[in-house]
Amino acid sequence: MNCSPEKKSRLNQQAVGNIQFSFFDRQNEVFEVCECPSIVEYAVDLRRQRCDCGEFQVDRLPCQHVFACCANQRLDWQLYVHDVYKMDQVRRVYRARFRPLGNPTTWPVYHGPRFVGNPFLRRVSKGRPRMTHFLNEMDTRMLRGPMRCKQCGAEGHSRSRCRQRGGASAGATTQ
């Protein structure tokens, strides 16, 4: 939704960067912000962690509109970062003790299925790397037409293999 000219004229003069606030309800933590260059309006609901741009819901990280709302109302933006991104969660994962694997010769024998890697996905250690992109119409030689010599104009060979090319080997003919 776009800001109407009437709404744009009565926008609060409070702005953070290129974001202006047209309406906010601090008790419910709901804001209506307007980006200035594109004049696009977004609704930001901090309590439900939603923004009309969609980045806040998808990434679970505050988007630029949330940062602007927090800066405008002097709120701590870190409250709106999902717990997955916080160092406490990372530390909690590594709090558990890991048992060492030990010597592989002392492991029990495995009797399950044997997995074989795909040889086409194996990295080649020597030579030029394999091509990874898919060919399209521009890449195929058949669509370009036959090779044409720039020296004599004949098809099927290049200038380097041309019989009419001047040089020591081309001039030597048997009589």
Protein backbone atom coordinates (compact mmCIF):
# COMPACT_ATOMS: atom_id res chain seq x y z
CA MET A 1 0.00 0.00 0.00
CA ASN A 2 1.26 3.47 -0.82
CA CYS A 3 1.14 6.60 1.32
CA SER A 4 -1.56 8.93 0.06
CA PRO A 5 -0.66 12.62 -0.44
CA GLU A 6 -2.89 13.56 2.51
CA LYS A 7 -1.19 11.03 4.75
CA LYS A 8 2.23 12.10 3.49
CA SER A 9 1.49 15.71 4.41
CA ARG A 10 0.49 14.80 7.97
CA LEU A 11 3.38 12.37 8.57
CA ASN A 12 5.22 12.87 11.80
CA GLN A 13 8.42 14.76 11.28
CA GLN A 14 10.14 12.01 13.26
CA ALA A 15 12.18 9.93 10.89
CA VAL A 16 14.91 7.35 11.24
CA GLY A 17 17.02 7.16 8.10
CA ASN A 18 14.62 7.01 5.18
CA ILE A 19 11.70 5.71 7.29
CA GLN A 20 9.04 8.06 8.61
CA PHE A 21 6.38 7.21 11.17
CA SER A 22 2.79 7.98 10.30
CA PHE A 23 1.17 6.21 13.27
CA PHE A 24 2.28 4.32 16.34
CA ASP A 25 0.62 2.77 19.36
CA ARG A 26 3.34 2.30 21.95
CA GLN A 27 1.19 0.30 24.37
CA ASN A 28 0.32 -2.32 21.74
CA GLU A 29 3.73 -2.01 20.04
CA VAL A 30 2.11 -1.44 16.63
CA PHE A 31 3.64 1.01 14.18
CA GLU A 32 2.85 2.25 10.70
CA VAL A 33 5.98 3.35 8.88
CA CYS A 34 6.54 4.80 5.44
CA GLU A 35 9.71 4.44 3.38
CA CYS A 36 10.46 7.82 1.87
CA PRO A 37 11.97 7.18 -1.57
CA SER A 38 9.42 4.55 -2.63
CA ILE A 39 6.63 5.93 -0.39
CA VAL A 40 5.58 2.37 0.52
CA GLU A 41 3.79 1.86 3.81
CA TYR A 42 4.47 -1.03 6.21
CA ALA A 43 2.72 -2.12 9.38
CA VAL A 44 5.06 -3.33 12.13
CA ASP A 45 3.72 -5.32 15.08
CA LEU A 46 6.54 -5.82 17.55
CA ARG A 47 4.50 -7.85 20.03
CA ARG A 48 3.61 -10.50 17.42
CA GLN A 49 6.97 -10.05 15.65
CA ARG A 50 5.47 -9.25 12.25
CA CYS A 51 6.25 -6.73 9.52
CA ASP A 52 4.54 -6.31 6.16
CA CYS A 53 7.88 -6.59 4.36
CA GLY A 54 8.04 -10.26 5.49
CA GLU A 55 11.72 -10.32 6.45
CA PHE A 56 11.00 -10.20 10.18
CA GLN A 57 8.88 -13.36 10.04
CA VAL A 58 11.13 -15.31 7.67
CA ASP A 59 14.58 -14.54 9.07
CA ARG A 60 13.44 -14.12 12.70
CA LEU A 61 15.79 -11.16 12.77
CA PRO A 62 14.66 -7.53 12.95
CA CYS A 63 14.29 -5.86 9.56
CA GLN A 64 15.09 -2.19 8.89
CA HIS A 65 11.52 -1.20 9.81
CA VAL A 66 11.81 -2.87 13.22
CA PHE A 67 15.17 -1.19 13.84
CA ALA A 68 13.62 2.16 12.95
CA CYS A 69 10.69 1.59 15.33
CA CYS A 70 13.04 0.59 18.14
CA ALA A 71 15.24 3.62 17.55
CA ASN A 72 12.23 5.95 17.42
CA GLN A 73 10.75 4.68 20.70
CA ARG A 74 14.09 3.94 22.38
CA LEU A 75 13.33 0.22 22.64
CA ASP A 76 15.98 -2.49 22.88
CA TRP A 77 16.08 -4.15 19.44
CA GLN A 78 17.82 -7.22 20.89
CA LEU A 79 14.52 -8.26 22.50
CA TYR A 80 13.18 -8.99 19.01
CA VAL A 81 16.03 -11.27 17.90
CA HIS A 82 15.01 -14.92 17.98
CA ASP A 83 16.67 -17.10 20.63
CA VAL A 84 18.32 -19.28 17.95
CA TYR A 85 20.71 -16.43 17.14
CA LYS A 86 21.71 -15.71 20.72
CA MET A 87 24.98 -16.93 22.21
CA ASP A 88 23.16 -18.48 25.19
CA GLN A 89 21.55 -21.00 22.84
CA VAL A 90 24.88 -21.79 21.18
CA ARG A 91 26.50 -22.35 24.55
CA ARG A 92 23.59 -24.54 25.62
CA VAL A 93 24.20 -26.83 22.63
CA TYR A 94 27.83 -27.35 23.59
CA ARG A 95 27.10 -27.67 27.30
CA ALA A 96 26.53 -31.42 26.93
CA ARG A 97 29.61 -33.59 27.12
CA PHE A 98 30.69 -35.40 24.00
CA ARG A 99 32.10 -38.89 24.37
CA PRO A 100 35.41 -39.38 22.51
CA LEU A 101 35.26 -41.77 19.58
CA GLY A 102 38.39 -43.67 20.48
CA ASN A 103 40.55 -45.81 18.21
CA PRO A 104 38.68 -46.90 15.02
CA THR A 105 40.25 -50.39 15.20
CA THR A 106 38.35 -51.06 18.44
CA TRP A 107 34.95 -50.16 16.97
CA PRO A 108 32.45 -52.99 16.41
CA VAL A 109 32.19 -54.36 12.87
CA TYR A 110 29.51 -52.69 10.74
CA HIS A 111 27.11 -55.10 9.00
CA GLY A 112 24.74 -52.61 7.36
CA PRO A 113 24.49 -51.47 3.75
CA ARG A 114 27.60 -50.15 2.07
CA PHE A 115 27.33 -46.66 0.65
CA VAL A 116 29.28 -45.77 -2.47
CA GLY A 117 29.83 -42.15 -3.44
CA ASN A 118 28.70 -40.84 -6.80
CA PRO A 119 31.85 -40.74 -8.99
CA PHE A 120 30.47 -37.78 -10.98
CA LEU A 121 30.32 -35.68 -7.81
CA ARG A 122 33.87 -36.56 -6.79
CA ARG A 123 36.33 -33.68 -6.97
CA VAL A 124 39.09 -34.20 -9.52
CA SER A 125 42.53 -33.56 -8.06
CA LYS A 126 44.38 -33.12 -11.36
CA GLY A 127 43.61 -31.21 -14.53
CA ARG A 128 41.09 -28.59 -15.44
CA PRO A 129 37.91 -28.51 -13.30
CA ARG A 130 34.78 -29.95 -14.83
CA MET A 131 32.20 -27.57 -16.25
CA THR A 132 29.28 -27.18 -13.85
CA HIS A 133 26.85 -25.00 -15.81
CA PHE A 134 24.17 -26.34 -18.11
CA LEU A 135 24.50 -25.65 -21.81
CA ASN A 136 21.80 -23.63 -23.54
CA GLU A 137 21.14 -22.75 -27.20
CA MET A 138 23.96 -20.22 -27.36
CA ASP A 139 26.52 -22.74 -26.13
CA THR A 140 25.92 -25.52 -28.63
CA ARG A 141 27.98 -25.55 -31.82
CA MET A 142 25.23 -27.09 -33.92
CA LEU A 143 23.12 -23.96 -33.69
CA ARG A 144 26.03 -21.72 -34.64
CA GLY A 145 26.45 -23.31 -38.05
CA PRO A 146 29.50 -24.97 -39.55
CA MET A 147 33.00 -23.62 -38.99
CA ARG A 148 34.08 -21.23 -41.74
CA CYS A 149 37.65 -20.30 -42.68
CA LYS A 150 38.45 -16.59 -42.54
CA GLN A 151 41.24 -17.01 -45.14
CA CYS A 152 39.44 -18.71 -48.03
CA GLY A 153 35.80 -18.69 -46.84
CA ALA A 154 35.37 -22.45 -47.17
CA GLU A 155 33.50 -24.50 -44.57
CA GLY A 156 34.93 -27.25 -42.41
CA HIS A 157 38.29 -25.82 -41.39
CA SER A 158 39.79 -22.79 -39.69
CA ARG A 159 42.38 -20.27 -40.86
CA SER A 160 45.18 -22.17 -39.09
CA ARG A 161 44.42 -25.35 -41.12
CA CYS A 162 43.76 -23.60 -44.44
CA ARG A 163 45.55 -24.92 -47.54
CA GLN A 164 45.77 -21.44 -49.04
CA ARG A 165 47.60 -20.09 -46.04
CA GLY A 166 50.94 -18.52 -46.88
CA GLY A 167 54.09 -19.83 -45.25
CA ALA A 168 56.99 -22.20 -45.67
CA SER A 169 54.93 -25.39 -45.70
CA ALA A 170 52.18 -23.97 -47.94
CA GLY A 171 54.64 -22.75 -50.61
CA ALA A 172 56.50 -26.04 -50.93
CA THR A 173 54.78 -28.01 -53.65
CA THR A 174 56.05 -30.97 -55.64
CA GLN A 175 56.58 -30.50 -59.35
